[in-house]
PDB file of N, CA and C in Angstrom:
ATOM      1  N   MET A   1      10.651   1.803 -15.543  1.00  0.00           N
ATOM      2  CA  MET A   1      11.075   2.809 -14.604  1.00  0.00           C
ATOM      3  C   MET A   1      12.588   2.727 -14.486  1.00  0.00           C
ATOM      4  N   GLY A   2      13.245   3.833 -14.622  1.00  0.00           N
ATOM      5  CA  GLY A   2      14.692   3.878 -14.533  1.00  0.00           C
ATOM      6  C   GLY A   2      15.183   3.631 -13.122  1.00  0.00           C
ATOM      7  N   GLU A   3      16.444   3.307 -13.010  1.00  0.00           N
ATOM      8  CA  GLU A   3      17.016   2.926 -11.738  1.00  0.00           C
ATOM      9  C   GLU A   3      16.968   4.042 -10.690  1.00  0.00           C
ATOM     10  N   HIS A   4      16.970   5.317 -11.102  1.00  0.00           N
ATOM     11  CA  HIS A   4      17.005   6.412 -10.145  1.00  0.00           C
ATOM     12  C   HIS A   4      15.689   7.170 -10.059  1.00  0.00           C
ATOM     13  N   GLU A   5      14.618   6.659 -10.641  1.00  0.00           N
ATOM     14  CA  GLU A   5      13.331   7.332 -10.573  1.00  0.00           C
ATOM     15  C   GLU A   5      12.660   7.057  -9.238  1.00  0.00           C
ATOM     16  N   GLU A   6      11.816   8.001  -8.817  1.00  0.00           N
ATOM     17  CA  GLU A   6      11.047   7.825  -7.596  1.00  0.00           C
ATOM     18  C   GLU A   6       9.983   6.760  -7.818  1.00  0.00           C
ATOM     19  N   PRO A   7       9.650   5.987  -6.775  1.00  0.00           N
ATOM     20  CA  PRO A   7       8.579   5.013  -6.932  1.00  0.00           C
ATOM     21  C   PRO A   7       7.243   5.718  -7.128  1.00  0.00           C
ATOM     22  N   GLU A   8       6.322   5.032  -7.811  1.00  0.00           N
ATOM     23  CA  GLU A   8       4.992   5.590  -7.988  1.00  0.00           C
ATOM     24  C   GLU A   8       4.238   5.416  -6.685  1.00  0.00           C
ATOM     25  N   GLY A   9       3.236   6.292  -6.468  1.00  0.00           N
ATOM     26  CA  GLY A   9       2.545   6.156  -5.207  1.00  0.00           C
ATOM     27  C   GLY A   9       1.254   6.922  -5.098  1.00  0.00           C
ATOM     28  N   TYR A  10       0.740   6.966  -3.874  1.00  0.00           N
ATOM     29  CA  TYR A  10      -0.513   7.621  -3.541  1.00  0.00           C
ATOM     30  C   TYR A  10      -0.355   8.227  -2.160  1.00  0.00           C
ATOM     31  N   GLU A  11      -0.876   9.443  -1.999  1.00  0.00           N
ATOM     32  CA  GLU A  11      -0.919  10.071  -0.695  1.00  0.00           C
ATOM     33  C   GLU A  11      -2.277  10.727  -0.550  1.00  0.00           C
ATOM     34  N   GLY A  12      -2.988  10.377   0.504  1.00  0.00           N
ATOM     35  CA  GLY A  12      -4.306  10.941   0.730  1.00  0.00           C
ATOM     36  C   GLY A  12      -5.141  10.046   1.626  1.00  0.00           C
ATOM     37  N   GLU A  13      -6.463  10.269   1.585  1.00  0.00           N
ATOM     38  CA  GLU A  13      -7.370   9.514   2.428  1.00  0.00           C
ATOM     39  C   GLU A  13      -7.632   8.126   1.846  1.00  0.00           C
ATOM     40  N   VAL A  14      -7.714   7.148   2.743  1.00  0.00           N
ATOM     41  CA  VAL A  14      -8.012   5.768   2.355  1.00  0.00           C
ATOM     42  C   VAL A  14      -9.083   5.214   3.286  1.00  0.00           C
ATOM     43  N   THR A  15      -9.719   4.152   2.835  1.00  0.00           N
ATOM     44  CA  THR A  15     -10.603   3.374   3.694  1.00  0.00           C
ATOM     45  C   THR A  15      -9.839   2.124   4.088  1.00  0.00           C
ATOM     46  N   VAL A  16      -9.883   1.794   5.374  1.00  0.00           N
ATOM     47  CA  VAL A  16      -9.172   0.640   5.900  1.00  0.00           C
ATOM     48  C   VAL A  16     -10.196  -0.311   6.517  1.00  0.00           C
ATOM     49  N   VAL A  17     -10.116  -1.582   6.141  1.00  0.00           N
ATOM     50  CA  VAL A  17     -10.992  -2.602   6.730  1.00  0.00           C
ATOM     51  C   VAL A  17     -10.117  -3.628   7.424  1.00  0.00           C
ATOM     52  N   VAL A  18     -10.344  -3.788   8.741  1.00  0.00           N
ATOM     53  CA  VAL A  18      -9.626  -4.765   9.552  1.00  0.00           C
ATOM     54  C   VAL A  18     -10.664  -5.594  10.302  1.00  0.00           C
ATOM     55  N   ASP A  19     -10.666  -6.878  10.079  1.00  0.00           N
ATOM     56  CA  ASP A  19     -11.608  -7.777  10.751  1.00  0.00           C
ATOM     57  C   ASP A  19     -13.051  -7.291  10.625  1.00  0.00           C
ATOM     58  N   GLY A  20     -13.425  -6.806   9.443  1.00  0.00           N
ATOM     59  CA  GLY A  20     -14.786  -6.362   9.187  1.00  0.00           C
ATOM     60  C   GLY A  20     -15.127  -4.973   9.683  1.00  0.00           C
ATOM     61  N   VAL A  21     -14.183  -4.308  10.341  1.00  0.00           N
ATOM     62  CA  VAL A  21     -14.405  -2.954  10.849  1.00  0.00           C
ATOM     63  C   VAL A  21     -13.789  -1.956   9.874  1.00  0.00           C
ATOM     64  N   THR A  22     -14.624  -1.002   9.404  1.00  0.00           N
ATOM     65  CA  THR A  22     -14.189  -0.020   8.406  1.00  0.00           C
ATOM     66  C   THR A  22     -13.910   1.318   9.068  1.00  0.00           C
ATOM     67  N   SER A  23     -12.800   1.950   8.667  1.00  0.00           N
ATOM     68  CA  SER A  23     -12.466   3.298   9.132  1.00  0.00           C
ATOM     69  C   SER A  23     -11.770   4.041   8.006  1.00  0.00           C
ATOM     70  N   THR A  24     -11.618   5.336   8.165  1.00  0.00           N
ATOM     71  CA  THR A  24     -10.862   6.121   7.194  1.00  0.00           C
ATOM     72  C   THR A  24      -9.602   6.649   7.865  1.00  0.00           C
ATOM     73  N   ALA A  25      -8.575   6.869   7.061  1.00  0.00           N
ATOM     74  CA  ALA A  25      -7.294   7.348   7.575  1.00  0.00           C
ATOM     75  C   ALA A  25      -6.517   7.986   6.436  1.00  0.00           C
ATOM     76  N   ARG A  26      -5.487   8.723   6.774  1.00  0.00           N
ATOM     77  CA  ARG A  26      -4.556   9.236   5.769  1.00  0.00           C
ATOM     78  C   ARG A  26      -3.484   8.192   5.552  1.00  0.00           C
ATOM     79  N   ALA A  27      -2.976   8.147   4.319  1.00  0.00           N
ATOM     80  CA  ALA A  27      -1.942   7.167   4.000  1.00  0.00           C
ATOM     81  C   ALA A  27      -0.943   7.759   3.023  1.00  0.00           C
ATOM     82  N   ALA A  28       0.265   7.251   3.077  1.00  0.00           N
ATOM     83  CA  ALA A  28       1.313   7.536   2.097  1.00  0.00           C
ATOM     84  C   ALA A  28       1.838   6.182   1.651  1.00  0.00           C
ATOM     85  N   LEU A  29       1.619   5.858   0.360  1.00  0.00           N
ATOM     86  CA  LEU A  29       1.955   4.538  -0.163  1.00  0.00           C
ATOM     87  C   LEU A  29       2.809   4.668  -1.416  1.00  0.00           C
ATOM     88  N   GLY A  30       3.715   3.747  -1.616  1.00  0.00           N
ATOM     89  CA  GLY A  30       4.555   3.744  -2.806  1.00  0.00           C
ATOM     90  C   GLY A  30       4.706   2.336  -3.353  1.00  0.00           C
ATOM     91  N   ALA A  31       4.998   2.225  -4.646  1.00  0.00           N
ATOM     92  CA  ALA A  31       5.155   0.918  -5.281  1.00  0.00           C
ATOM     93  C   ALA A  31       6.391   0.908  -6.158  1.00  0.00           C
ATOM     94  N   ARG A  32       6.969  -0.275  -6.293  1.00  0.00           N
ATOM     95  CA  ARG A  32       8.117  -0.455  -7.178  1.00  0.00           C
ATOM     96  C   ARG A  32       8.133  -1.895  -7.661  1.00  0.00           C
ATOM     97  N   PHE A  33       8.772  -2.119  -8.781  1.00  0.00           N
ATOM     98  CA  PHE A  33       8.937  -3.479  -9.287  1.00  0.00           C
ATOM     99  C   PHE A  33      10.156  -4.074  -8.616  1.00  0.00           C
ATOM    100  N   ASP A  34      10.004  -5.243  -8.024  1.00  0.00           N
ATOM    101  CA  ASP A  34      11.114  -5.947  -7.395  1.00  0.00           C
ATOM    102  C   ASP A  34      11.547  -7.079  -8.324  1.00  0.00           C
ATOM    103  N   PRO A  35      12.678  -6.922  -9.008  1.00  0.00           N
ATOM    104  CA  PRO A  35      13.091  -7.944  -9.970  1.00  0.00           C
ATOM    105  C   PRO A  35      13.393  -9.293  -9.316  1.00  0.00           C
ATOM    106  N   LEU A  36      13.809  -9.311  -8.061  1.00  0.00           N
ATOM    107  CA  LEU A  36      14.077 -10.584  -7.395  1.00  0.00           C
ATOM    108  C   LEU A  36      12.791 -11.338  -7.101  1.00  0.00           C
ATOM    109  N   ALA A  37      11.736 -10.609  -6.723  1.00  0.00           N
ATOM    110  CA  ALA A  37      10.441 -11.247  -6.462  1.00  0.00           C
ATOM    111  C   ALA A  37       9.670 -11.461  -7.758  1.00  0.00           C
ATOM    112  N   GLY A  38      10.012 -10.690  -8.787  1.00  0.00           N
ATOM    113  CA  GLY A  38       9.314 -10.793 -10.058  1.00  0.00           C
ATOM    114  C   GLY A  38       7.923 -10.196 -10.032  1.00  0.00           C
ATOM    115  N   SER A  39       7.685  -9.264  -9.102  1.00  0.00           N
ATOM    116  CA  SER A  39       6.368  -8.645  -9.008  1.00  0.00           C
ATOM    117  C   SER A  39       6.483  -7.236  -8.422  1.00  0.00           C
ATOM    118  N   VAL A  40       5.359  -6.545  -8.428  1.00  0.00           N
ATOM    119  CA  VAL A  40       5.301  -5.217  -7.826  1.00  0.00           C
ATOM    120  C   VAL A  40       5.159  -5.377  -6.320  1.00  0.00           C
ATOM    121  N   VAL A  41       5.952  -4.637  -5.584  1.00  0.00           N
ATOM    122  CA  VAL A  41       5.900  -4.613  -4.131  1.00  0.00           C
ATOM    123  C   VAL A  41       5.502  -3.202  -3.739  1.00  0.00           C
ATOM    124  N   TRP A  42       4.537  -3.073  -2.845  1.00  0.00           N
ATOM    125  CA  TRP A  42       4.134  -1.743  -2.399  1.00  0.00           C
ATOM    126  C   TRP A  42       4.118  -1.685  -0.882  1.00  0.00           C
ATOM    127  N   SER A  43       4.337  -0.492  -0.367  1.00  0.00           N
ATOM    128  CA  SER A  43       4.412  -0.333   1.080  1.00  0.00           C
ATOM    129  C   SER A  43       4.154   1.128   1.424  1.00  0.00           C
ATOM    130  N   GLY A  44       4.076   1.395   2.699  1.00  0.00           N
ATOM    131  CA  GLY A  44       3.880   2.766   3.161  1.00  0.00           C
ATOM    132  C   GLY A  44       3.378   2.780   4.581  1.00  0.00           C
ATOM    133  N   ARG A  45       2.679   3.869   4.900  1.00  0.00           N
ATOM    134  CA  ARG A  45       2.155   3.984   6.256  1.00  0.00           C
ATOM    135  C   ARG A  45       0.731   4.507   6.219  1.00  0.00           C
ATOM    136  N   VAL A  46      -0.036   4.071   7.190  1.00  0.00           N
ATOM    137  CA  VAL A  46      -1.433   4.452   7.339  1.00  0.00           C
ATOM    138  C   VAL A  46      -1.593   5.032   8.738  1.00  0.00           C
ATOM    139  N   ALA A  47      -2.267   6.169   8.845  1.00  0.00           N
ATOM    140  CA  ALA A  47      -2.470   6.822  10.141  1.00  0.00           C
ATOM    141  C   ALA A  47      -3.599   6.142  10.909  1.00  0.00           C
ATOM    142  N   ALA A  48      -3.365   4.891  11.268  1.00  0.00           N
ATOM    143  CA  ALA A  48      -4.309   4.088  12.041  1.00  0.00           C
ATOM    144  C   ALA A  48      -3.507   3.049  12.800  1.00  0.00           C
ATOM    145  N   ARG A  49      -3.977   2.687  13.961  1.00  0.00           N
ATOM    146  CA  ARG A  49      -3.268   1.662  14.739  1.00  0.00           C
ATOM    147  C   ARG A  49      -3.806   0.291  14.393  1.00  0.00           C
ATOM    148  N   VAL A  50      -2.924  -0.548  13.875  1.00  0.00           N
ATOM    149  CA  VAL A  50      -3.261  -1.931  13.525  1.00  0.00           C
ATOM    150  C   VAL A  50      -2.132  -2.802  14.057  1.00  0.00           C
ATOM    151  N   ALA A  51      -2.486  -3.874  14.704  1.00  0.00           N
ATOM    152  CA  ALA A  51      -1.475  -4.763  15.280  1.00  0.00           C
ATOM    153  C   ALA A  51      -0.609  -5.373  14.173  1.00  0.00           C
ATOM    154  N   PRO A  52       0.695  -5.520  14.426  1.00  0.00           N
ATOM    155  CA  PRO A  52       1.571  -6.162  13.444  1.00  0.00           C
ATOM    156  C   PRO A  52       1.055  -7.542  13.052  1.00  0.00           C
ATOM    157  N   ARG A  53       1.310  -7.907  11.803  1.00  0.00           N
ATOM    158  CA  ARG A  53       0.943  -9.191  11.202  1.00  0.00           C
ATOM    159  C   ARG A  53      -0.556  -9.319  10.942  1.00  0.00           C
ATOM    160  N   THR A  54      -1.278  -8.213  11.053  1.00  0.00           N
ATOM    161  CA  THR A  54      -2.706  -8.209  10.752  1.00  0.00           C
ATOM    162  C   THR A  54      -2.900  -7.889   9.281  1.00  0.00           C
ATOM    163  N   ARG A  55      -3.804  -8.613   8.619  1.00  0.00           N
ATOM    164  CA  ARG A  55      -4.137  -8.315   7.222  1.00  0.00           C
ATOM    165  C   ARG A  55      -5.202  -7.236   7.208  1.00  0.00           C
ATOM    166  N   LEU A  56      -5.070  -6.299   6.293  1.00  0.00           N
ATOM    167  CA  LEU A  56      -6.045  -5.233   6.162  1.00  0.00           C
ATOM    168  C   LEU A  56      -6.289  -4.934   4.696  1.00  0.00           C
ATOM    169  N   GLU A  57      -7.486  -4.490   4.393  1.00  0.00           N
ATOM    170  CA  GLU A  57      -7.812  -4.075   3.036  1.00  0.00           C
ATOM    171  C   GLU A  57      -7.744  -2.557   2.995  1.00  0.00           C
ATOM    172  N   ILE A  58      -7.017  -2.042   2.012  1.00  0.00           N
ATOM    173  CA  ILE A  58      -6.864  -0.600   1.839  1.00  0.00           C
ATOM    174  C   ILE A  58      -7.517  -0.218   0.522  1.00  0.00           C
ATOM    175  N   THR A  59      -8.399   0.791   0.579  1.00  0.00           N
ATOM    176  CA  THR A  59      -9.091   1.264  -0.613  1.00  0.00           C
ATOM    177  C   THR A  59      -8.815   2.744  -0.806  1.00  0.00           C
ATOM    178  N   THR A  60      -8.417   3.098  -2.031  1.00  0.00           N
ATOM    179  CA  THR A  60      -8.251   4.489  -2.443  1.00  0.00           C
ATOM    180  C   THR A  60      -9.302   4.756  -3.518  1.00  0.00           C
ATOM    181  N   PRO A  61      -9.406   5.985  -4.013  1.00  0.00           N
ATOM    182  CA  PRO A  61     -10.329   6.229  -5.124  1.00  0.00           C
ATOM    183  C   PRO A  61      -9.961   5.444  -6.388  1.00  0.00           C
ATOM    184  N   GLN A  62      -8.770   4.874  -6.430  1.00  0.00           N
ATOM    185  CA  GLN A  62      -8.285   4.172  -7.619  1.00  0.00           C
ATOM    186  C   GLN A  62      -8.391   2.653  -7.521  1.00  0.00           C
ATOM    187  N   GLY A  63      -8.713   2.102  -6.340  1.00  0.00           N
ATOM    188  CA  GLY A  63      -8.822   0.659  -6.226  1.00  0.00           C
ATOM    189  C   GLY A  63      -8.621   0.158  -4.810  1.00  0.00           C
ATOM    190  N   SER A  64      -8.648  -1.169  -4.655  1.00  0.00           N
ATOM    191  CA  SER A  64      -8.484  -1.821  -3.347  1.00  0.00           C
ATOM    192  C   SER A  64      -7.429  -2.914  -3.445  1.00  0.00           C
ATOM    193  N   SER A  65      -6.778  -3.173  -2.323  1.00  0.00           N
ATOM    194  CA  SER A  65      -5.822  -4.262  -2.262  1.00  0.00           C
ATOM    195  C   SER A  65      -5.621  -4.651  -0.805  1.00  0.00           C
ATOM    196  N   VAL A  66      -5.064  -5.834  -0.597  1.00  0.00           N
ATOM    197  CA  VAL A  66      -4.813  -6.339   0.746  1.00  0.00           C
ATOM    198  C   VAL A  66      -3.335  -6.161   1.079  1.00  0.00           C
ATOM    199  N   ALA A  67      -3.079  -5.755   2.322  1.00  0.00           N
ATOM    200  CA  ALA A  67      -1.713  -5.569   2.804  1.00  0.00           C
ATOM    201  C   ALA A  67      -1.586  -6.242   4.166  1.00  0.00           C
ATOM    202  N   GLU A  68      -0.375  -6.250   4.663  1.00  0.00           N
ATOM    203  CA  GLU A  68      -0.132  -6.740   6.016  1.00  0.00           C
ATOM    204  C   GLU A  68       0.521  -5.632   6.826  1.00  0.00           C
ATOM    205  N   ALA A  69       0.032  -5.432   8.041  1.00  0.00           N
ATOM    206  CA  ALA A  69       0.653  -4.477   8.947  1.00  0.00           C
ATOM    207  C   ALA A  69       1.982  -5.068   9.405  1.00  0.00           C
ATOM    208  N   THR A  70       3.033  -4.245   9.377  1.00  0.00           N
ATOM    209  CA  THR A  70       4.338  -4.767   9.772  1.00  0.00           C
ATOM    210  C   THR A  70       4.810  -4.234  11.119  1.00  0.00           C
ATOM    211  N   GLU A  71       4.517  -2.968  11.420  1.00  0.00           N
ATOM    212  CA  GLU A  71       4.944  -2.389  12.692  1.00  0.00           C
ATOM    213  C   GLU A  71       4.275  -1.030  12.877  1.00  0.00           C
ATOM    214  N   THR A  72       4.365  -0.513  14.091  1.00  0.00           N
ATOM    215  CA  THR A  72       3.890   0.837  14.383  1.00  0.00           C
ATOM    216  C   THR A  72       5.110   1.735  14.466  1.00  0.00           C
ATOM    217  N   ASP A  73       5.066   2.864  13.737  1.00  0.00           N
ATOM    218  CA  ASP A  73       6.218   3.771  13.773  1.00  0.00           C
ATOM    219  C   ASP A  73       6.140   4.668  15.014  1.00  0.00           C
ATOM    220  N   PRO A  74       7.177   5.463  15.299  1.00  0.00           N
ATOM    221  CA  PRO A  74       7.197   6.307  16.501  1.00  0.00           C
ATOM    222  C   PRO A  74       6.067   7.339  16.570  1.00  0.00           C
ATOM    223  N   TRP A  75       5.404   7.635  15.452  1.00  0.00           N
ATOM    224  CA  TRP A  75       4.340   8.625  15.413  1.00  0.00           C
ATOM    225  C   TRP A  75       2.957   7.987  15.505  1.00  0.00           C
ATOM    226  N   GLY A  76       2.877   6.675  15.697  1.00  0.00           N
ATOM    227  CA  GLY A  76       1.601   5.989  15.834  1.00  0.00           C
ATOM    228  C   GLY A  76       0.991   5.517  14.532  1.00  0.00           C
ATOM    229  N   ASN A  77       1.697   5.673  13.419  1.00  0.00           N
ATOM    230  CA  ASN A  77       1.221   5.170  12.136  1.00  0.00           C
ATOM    231  C   ASN A  77       1.551   3.692  12.005  1.00  0.00           C
ATOM    232  N   THR A  78       0.774   2.987  11.205  1.00  0.00           N
ATOM    233  CA  THR A  78       1.050   1.581  10.935  1.00  0.00           C
ATOM    234  C   THR A  78       1.754   1.455   9.600  1.00  0.00           C
ATOM    235  N   ARG A  79       2.880   0.792   9.581  1.00  0.00           N
ATOM    236  CA  ARG A  79       3.577   0.505   8.322  1.00  0.00           C
ATOM    237  C   ARG A  79       2.965  -0.748   7.726  1.00  0.00           C
ATOM    238  N   VAL A  80       2.744  -0.709   6.404  1.00  0.00           N
ATOM    239  CA  VAL A  80       2.098  -1.819   5.714  1.00  0.00           C
ATOM    240  C   VAL A  80       2.915  -2.219   4.488  1.00  0.00           C
ATOM    241  N   THR A  81       2.766  -3.485   4.080  1.00  0.00           N
ATOM    242  CA  THR A  81       3.382  -3.965   2.846  1.00  0.00           C
ATOM    243  C   THR A  81       2.381  -4.838   2.104  1.00  0.00           C
ATOM    244  N   GLY A  82       2.480  -4.811   0.781  1.00  0.00           N
ATOM    245  CA  GLY A  82       1.641  -5.645  -0.061  1.00  0.00           C
ATOM    246  C   GLY A  82       2.415  -6.080  -1.290  1.00  0.00           C
ATOM    247  N   VAL A  83       1.964  -7.151  -1.919  1.00  0.00           N
ATOM    248  CA  VAL A  83       2.593  -7.662  -3.134  1.00  0.00           C
ATOM    249  C   VAL A  83       1.521  -7.755  -4.198  1.00  0.00           C
ATOM    250  N   GLY A  84       1.869  -7.373  -5.425  1.00  0.00           N
ATOM    251  CA  GLY A  84       0.904  -7.399  -6.519  1.00  0.00           C
ATOM    252  C   GLY A  84       0.322  -6.025  -6.757  1.00  0.00           C
ATOM    253  N   ARG A  85      -0.821  -5.989  -7.411  1.00  0.00           N
ATOM    254  CA  ARG A  85      -1.418  -4.704  -7.768  1.00  0.00           C
ATOM    255  C   ARG A  85      -1.781  -3.915  -6.510  1.00  0.00           C
ATOM    256  N   PRO A  86      -1.219  -2.702  -6.365  1.00  0.00           N
ATOM    257  CA  PRO A  86      -1.542  -1.856  -5.216  1.00  0.00           C
ATOM    258  C   PRO A  86      -2.902  -1.173  -5.410  1.00  0.00           C
ATOM    259  N   PRO A  87      -3.400  -0.506  -4.373  1.00  0.00           N
ATOM    260  CA  PRO A  87      -4.705   0.150  -4.471  1.00  0.00           C
ATOM    261  C   PRO A  87      -4.639   1.535  -5.131  1.00  0.00           C
ATOM    262  N   PHE A  88      -3.671   1.737  -5.984  1.00  0.00           N
ATOM    263  CA  PHE A  88      -3.519   2.998  -6.719  1.00  0.00           C
ATOM    264  C   PHE A  88      -2.883   2.680  -8.063  1.00  0.00           C
ATOM    265  N   ARG A  89      -2.983   3.617  -8.983  1.00  0.00           N
ATOM    266  CA  ARG A  89      -2.444   3.386 -10.326  1.00  0.00           C
ATOM    267  C   ARG A  89      -0.920   3.313 -10.317  1.00  0.00           C
ATOM    268  N   VAL A  90      -0.428   2.362 -11.100  1.00  0.00           N
ATOM    269  CA  VAL A  90       1.014   2.212 -11.319  1.00  0.00           C
ATOM    270  C   VAL A  90       1.197   2.110 -12.818  1.00  0.00           C
ATOM    271  N   GLU A  91       1.918   3.064 -13.381  1.00  0.00           N
ATOM    272  CA  GLU A  91       2.080   3.149 -14.827  1.00  0.00           C
ATOM    273  C   GLU A  91       2.558   1.843 -15.447  1.00  0.00           C
ATOM    274  N   LEU A  92       3.536   1.197 -14.836  1.00  0.00           N
ATOM    275  CA  LEU A  92       4.079  -0.053 -15.373  1.00  0.00           C
ATOM    276  C   LEU A  92       2.974  -1.108 -15.507  1.00  0.00           C
ATOM    277  N   LEU A  93       2.128  -1.246 -14.514  1.00  0.00           N
ATOM    278  CA  LEU A  93       1.051  -2.236 -14.571  1.00  0.00           C
ATOM    279  C   LEU A  93      -0.022  -1.845 -15.572  1.00  0.00           C
ATOM    280  N   ASP A  94      -0.349  -0.563 -15.631  1.00  0.00           N
ATOM    281  CA  ASP A  94      -1.371  -0.099 -16.565  1.00  0.00           C
ATOM    282  C   ASP A  94      -0.934  -0.297 -18.007  1.00  0.00           C
ATOM    283  N   GLU A  95       0.370  -0.166 -18.287  1.00  0.00           N
ATOM    284  CA  GLU A  95       0.895  -0.341 -19.643  1.00  0.00           C
ATOM    285  C   GLU A  95       0.746  -1.780 -20.125  1.00  0.00           C
ATOM    286  N   VAL A  96       0.915  -2.755 -19.215  1.00  0.00           N
ATOM    287  CA  VAL A  96       0.857  -4.162 -19.608  1.00  0.00           C
ATOM    288  C   VAL A  96      -0.498  -4.796 -19.327  1.00  0.00           C
ATOM    289  N   GLY A  97      -1.427  -4.002 -18.787  1.00  0.00           N
ATOM    290  CA  GLY A  97      -2.758  -4.518 -18.504  1.00  0.00           C
ATOM    291  C   GLY A  97      -2.822  -5.442 -17.328  1.00  0.00           C
ATOM    292  N   GLY A  98      -1.784  -5.380 -16.416  1.00  0.00           N
ATOM    293  CA  GLY A  98      -1.735  -6.260 -15.237  1.00  0.00           C
ATOM    294  C   GLY A  98      -2.594  -5.771 -14.217  1.00  0.00           C
TER     295      GLY A  98
END
């Protein structure tokens, strides 16, 4: 991915599991390779209220991954971050089979 390209991502409905409780919500998620961390970092927001520092599983039609809630934005969405394979396709990872 070139230095000025947009990050890859997913926008749409997701399933969210927090402490064994499943719900659906809309999400906007993006991923990028972080050369300092040496891995893919993904983040975004989910239209669900989750307490900061809570781990949650996010599932899209393309896959599942675990993230951590970081904060609630002014509109009531939860900002999340994850490291490693995100719950959506990322061309860079698909090319190397990661």
